[in-house]
Amino acid sequence: MAWIEIIKIRMGGAGDRELDPGFLQRIEESLKAPSLAEARVYKNISVSNDLVIVLTWLKEIPAPWGSDLASGLTQELKRYGLVDYSAWAGLD
């Protein structure tokens, strides 16, 4: 069964501050784990300090709190701003 994890980050600072492209690249490069089918980073179109990271998995859901990758990433990103985490399972 496929399932996804969504990590939303609202970065601190002025709303018009652009995200550092190097920061985004480092995030994307760190998104590697066994059974991880896809990892995507999205930037909010209207709020330049908002990011969403979507992790797509093709293995069993490990626990209600999600994967170790998402847990570590969520903890690390808390120093940059507000972080919201959710996990979603497919209906198939």
N, C-alpha and C. Protein backbone atom coordinates (compact mmCIF):
# COMPACT_ATOMS: atom_id res chain seq x y z
N MET A 1 0.84 -1.18 0.00
CA MET A 1 0.00 0.00 0.00
C MET A 1 0.89 1.24 0.00
N ALA A 2 0.60 2.17 -0.87
CA ALA A 2 1.33 3.43 -0.91
C ALA A 2 0.79 4.37 0.17
N TRP A 3 1.69 5.15 0.73
CA TRP A 3 1.29 6.16 1.71
C TRP A 3 2.24 7.34 1.59
N ILE A 4 1.79 8.50 2.04
CA ILE A 4 2.60 9.71 1.94
C ILE A 4 2.71 10.38 3.30
N GLU A 5 3.79 11.14 3.43
CA GLU A 5 3.98 12.01 4.58
C GLU A 5 4.12 13.43 4.04
N ILE A 6 3.49 14.37 4.71
CA ILE A 6 3.54 15.77 4.31
C ILE A 6 4.10 16.57 5.47
N ILE A 7 5.18 17.30 5.18
CA ILE A 7 5.80 18.16 6.19
C ILE A 7 5.71 19.58 5.66
N LYS A 8 4.99 20.43 6.37
CA LYS A 8 4.83 21.83 5.98
C LYS A 8 5.64 22.70 6.92
N ILE A 9 6.41 23.62 6.36
CA ILE A 9 7.25 24.51 7.15
C ILE A 9 6.89 25.96 6.82
N ARG A 10 6.58 26.73 7.86
CA ARG A 10 6.42 28.18 7.71
C ARG A 10 7.65 28.80 8.35
N MET A 11 8.55 29.27 7.49
CA MET A 11 9.84 29.80 7.94
C MET A 11 9.64 31.14 8.63
N GLY A 12 10.50 31.44 9.60
CA GLY A 12 10.48 32.73 10.27
C GLY A 12 11.03 33.80 9.34
N GLY A 13 10.75 35.04 9.64
CA GLY A 13 11.28 36.15 8.85
C GLY A 13 10.19 36.86 8.08
N ALA A 14 10.61 37.84 7.32
CA ALA A 14 9.68 38.66 6.54
C ALA A 14 9.04 37.82 5.45
N GLY A 15 7.78 38.10 5.16
CA GLY A 15 7.04 37.35 4.16
C GLY A 15 7.60 37.49 2.76
N ASP A 16 8.38 38.53 2.49
CA ASP A 16 8.88 38.72 1.13
C ASP A 16 10.30 38.17 0.95
N ARG A 17 10.86 37.56 2.00
CA ARG A 17 12.21 37.01 1.90
C ARG A 17 12.19 35.75 1.06
N GLU A 18 13.09 35.66 0.10
CA GLU A 18 13.18 34.48 -0.74
C GLU A 18 13.99 33.40 -0.04
N LEU A 19 13.63 32.16 -0.27
CA LEU A 19 14.37 31.04 0.29
C LEU A 19 15.69 30.88 -0.45
N ASP A 20 16.71 30.54 0.27
CA ASP A 20 18.04 30.31 -0.29
C ASP A 20 18.00 29.05 -1.15
N PRO A 21 18.33 29.14 -2.44
CA PRO A 21 18.32 27.95 -3.30
C PRO A 21 19.25 26.84 -2.79
N GLY A 22 20.35 27.20 -2.16
CA GLY A 22 21.25 26.20 -1.59
C GLY A 22 20.58 25.42 -0.47
N PHE A 23 19.76 26.10 0.34
CA PHE A 23 19.01 25.45 1.42
C PHE A 23 18.05 24.43 0.84
N LEU A 24 17.33 24.81 -0.22
CA LEU A 24 16.39 23.89 -0.85
C LEU A 24 17.11 22.68 -1.44
N GLN A 25 18.26 22.90 -2.04
CA GLN A 25 19.02 21.80 -2.62
C GLN A 25 19.52 20.84 -1.53
N ARG A 26 19.96 21.37 -0.40
CA ARG A 26 20.42 20.51 0.70
C ARG A 26 19.27 19.67 1.25
N ILE A 27 18.08 20.24 1.31
CA ILE A 27 16.91 19.47 1.76
C ILE A 27 16.65 18.33 0.79
N GLU A 28 16.60 18.63 -0.50
CA GLU A 28 16.31 17.60 -1.49
C GLU A 28 17.35 16.49 -1.47
N GLU A 29 18.61 16.84 -1.31
CA GLU A 29 19.68 15.84 -1.28
C GLU A 29 19.61 14.94 -0.05
N SER A 30 19.02 15.43 1.04
CA SER A 30 18.95 14.64 2.27
C SER A 30 17.78 13.66 2.27
N LEU A 31 16.90 13.75 1.30
CA LEU A 31 15.69 12.93 1.28
C LEU A 31 15.94 11.59 0.59
N LYS A 32 16.64 10.73 1.30
CA LYS A 32 16.94 9.40 0.79
C LYS A 32 16.72 8.38 1.89
N ALA A 33 16.06 7.27 1.54
CA ALA A 33 15.83 6.19 2.49
C ALA A 33 15.36 4.95 1.72
N PRO A 34 15.62 3.76 2.26
CA PRO A 34 15.10 2.55 1.63
C PRO A 34 13.57 2.61 1.55
N SER A 35 13.00 2.15 0.48
CA SER A 35 11.54 2.11 0.24
C SER A 35 10.92 3.48 -0.02
N LEU A 36 11.73 4.53 -0.09
CA LEU A 36 11.21 5.84 -0.43
C LEU A 36 11.07 5.91 -1.95
N ALA A 37 9.84 6.00 -2.43
CA ALA A 37 9.58 6.00 -3.87
C ALA A 37 9.85 7.37 -4.49
N GLU A 38 9.48 8.43 -3.76
CA GLU A 38 9.65 9.78 -4.29
C GLU A 38 9.69 10.79 -3.16
N ALA A 39 10.48 11.82 -3.34
CA ALA A 39 10.54 12.93 -2.39
C ALA A 39 10.49 14.21 -3.19
N ARG A 40 9.54 15.08 -2.87
CA ARG A 40 9.38 16.34 -3.60
C ARG A 40 9.32 17.49 -2.61
N VAL A 41 9.93 18.61 -2.99
CA VAL A 41 9.88 19.82 -2.19
C VAL A 41 9.16 20.87 -3.01
N TYR A 42 8.15 21.49 -2.41
CA TYR A 42 7.37 22.52 -3.08
C TYR A 42 7.49 23.83 -2.31
N LYS A 43 7.53 24.93 -3.05
CA LYS A 43 7.57 26.27 -2.48
C LYS A 43 6.21 26.91 -2.73
N ASN A 44 5.64 27.54 -1.70
CA ASN A 44 4.34 28.20 -1.84
C ASN A 44 4.43 29.33 -2.85
N ILE A 45 3.46 29.43 -3.72
CA ILE A 45 3.46 30.46 -4.76
C ILE A 45 3.23 31.85 -4.19
N SER A 46 2.38 31.97 -3.19
CA SER A 46 2.03 33.29 -2.67
C SER A 46 2.74 33.66 -1.37
N VAL A 47 3.25 32.69 -0.62
CA VAL A 47 3.96 32.96 0.64
C VAL A 47 5.36 32.37 0.48
N SER A 48 6.34 33.22 0.20
CA SER A 48 7.67 32.73 -0.18
C SER A 48 8.42 32.00 0.93
N ASN A 49 7.97 32.10 2.16
CA ASN A 49 8.64 31.41 3.27
C ASN A 49 8.03 30.06 3.60
N ASP A 50 7.05 29.60 2.83
CA ASP A 50 6.40 28.33 3.09
C ASP A 50 6.96 27.24 2.18
N LEU A 51 7.24 26.07 2.77
CA LEU A 51 7.68 24.90 2.02
C LEU A 51 6.79 23.73 2.38
N VAL A 52 6.63 22.82 1.45
CA VAL A 52 5.99 21.54 1.73
C VAL A 52 6.89 20.45 1.17
N ILE A 53 7.15 19.45 1.98
CA ILE A 53 7.92 18.29 1.56
C ILE A 53 6.96 17.10 1.56
N VAL A 54 6.89 16.40 0.42
CA VAL A 54 6.01 15.25 0.30
C VAL A 54 6.88 14.01 0.07
N LEU A 55 6.76 13.05 0.97
CA LEU A 55 7.49 11.79 0.88
C LEU A 55 6.49 10.70 0.52
N THR A 56 6.76 9.96 -0.56
CA THR A 56 5.89 8.88 -1.00
C THR A 56 6.59 7.55 -0.75
N TRP A 57 5.91 6.68 -0.03
CA TRP A 57 6.47 5.39 0.37
C TRP A 57 5.70 4.24 -0.26
N LEU A 58 6.39 3.13 -0.50
CA LEU A 58 5.76 1.93 -1.06
C LEU A 58 5.94 0.74 -0.13
N LYS A 59 5.94 0.98 1.16
CA LYS A 59 6.07 -0.10 2.14
C LYS A 59 4.98 0.07 3.18
N GLU A 60 4.91 -0.87 4.08
CA GLU A 60 3.91 -0.79 5.15
C GLU A 60 4.14 0.44 6.02
N ILE A 61 3.08 0.99 6.53
CA ILE A 61 3.17 2.15 7.42
C ILE A 61 3.82 1.68 8.72
N PRO A 62 4.96 2.29 9.13
CA PRO A 62 5.69 1.78 10.29
C PRO A 62 4.99 2.02 11.62
N ALA A 63 4.36 3.15 11.79
CA ALA A 63 3.70 3.51 13.05
C ALA A 63 2.88 4.77 12.81
N PRO A 64 1.96 5.10 13.71
CA PRO A 64 1.15 6.30 13.52
C PRO A 64 1.98 7.58 13.40
N TRP A 65 3.18 7.59 13.97
CA TRP A 65 4.00 8.80 13.91
C TRP A 65 4.87 8.83 12.66
N GLY A 66 4.80 7.82 11.81
CA GLY A 66 5.46 7.87 10.51
C GLY A 66 6.87 7.31 10.48
N SER A 67 7.61 7.73 9.46
CA SER A 67 8.94 7.19 9.20
C SER A 67 10.02 7.89 10.04
N ASP A 68 11.14 7.21 10.16
CA ASP A 68 12.29 7.81 10.84
C ASP A 68 12.81 9.02 10.07
N LEU A 69 12.77 8.94 8.73
CA LEU A 69 13.24 10.06 7.92
C LEU A 69 12.42 11.31 8.20
N ALA A 70 11.10 11.19 8.17
CA ALA A 70 10.23 12.34 8.42
C ALA A 70 10.37 12.85 9.84
N SER A 71 10.51 11.94 10.79
CA SER A 71 10.66 12.35 12.19
C SER A 71 11.93 13.18 12.38
N GLY A 72 13.04 12.71 11.85
CA GLY A 72 14.30 13.45 11.96
C GLY A 72 14.25 14.78 11.23
N LEU A 73 13.67 14.75 10.04
CA LEU A 73 13.55 15.98 9.24
C LEU A 73 12.67 17.00 9.94
N THR A 74 11.56 16.54 10.51
CA THR A 74 10.65 17.44 11.23
C THR A 74 11.36 18.09 12.41
N GLN A 75 12.11 17.31 13.17
CA GLN A 75 12.83 17.86 14.32
C GLN A 75 13.88 18.88 13.86
N GLU A 76 14.61 18.57 12.81
CA GLU A 76 15.65 19.47 12.30
C GLU A 76 15.06 20.78 11.79
N LEU A 77 13.92 20.72 11.12
CA LEU A 77 13.32 21.91 10.52
C LEU A 77 12.64 22.82 11.53
N LYS A 78 12.37 22.34 12.73
CA LYS A 78 11.73 23.17 13.76
C LYS A 78 12.57 24.39 14.12
N ARG A 79 13.87 24.33 13.91
CA ARG A 79 14.69 25.50 14.23
C ARG A 79 14.54 26.63 13.20
N TYR A 80 13.90 26.33 12.07
CA TYR A 80 13.69 27.33 11.03
C TYR A 80 12.31 27.97 11.08
N GLY A 81 11.38 27.36 11.80
CA GLY A 81 10.04 27.93 11.87
C GLY A 81 9.02 26.91 12.34
N LEU A 82 7.76 27.18 12.06
CA LEU A 82 6.66 26.30 12.46
C LEU A 82 6.60 25.11 11.52
N VAL A 83 6.43 23.91 12.07
CA VAL A 83 6.39 22.69 11.28
C VAL A 83 5.11 21.93 11.58
N ASP A 84 4.45 21.48 10.52
CA ASP A 84 3.25 20.66 10.66
C ASP A 84 3.49 19.35 9.92
N TYR A 85 3.16 18.23 10.55
CA TYR A 85 3.40 16.92 9.96
C TYR A 85 2.08 16.15 9.88
N SER A 86 1.89 15.42 8.79
CA SER A 86 0.75 14.50 8.69
C SER A 86 1.13 13.33 7.79
N ALA A 87 0.50 12.20 8.02
CA ALA A 87 0.72 11.00 7.22
C ALA A 87 -0.63 10.57 6.63
N TRP A 88 -0.61 10.11 5.39
CA TRP A 88 -1.83 9.75 4.68
C TRP A 88 -1.66 8.40 4.00
N ALA A 89 -2.62 7.53 4.14
CA ALA A 89 -2.59 6.21 3.50
C ALA A 89 -3.58 6.18 2.34
N GLY A 90 -3.21 5.47 1.28
CA GLY A 90 -4.11 5.30 0.14
C GLY A 90 -5.30 4.42 0.52
N LEU A 91 -6.37 4.53 -0.22
CA LEU A 91 -7.58 3.78 0.08
C LEU A 91 -7.59 2.41 -0.60
N ASP A 92 -6.56 2.07 -1.34
CA ASP A 92 -6.55 0.79 -2.05
C ASP A 92 -6.03 -0.34 -1.22
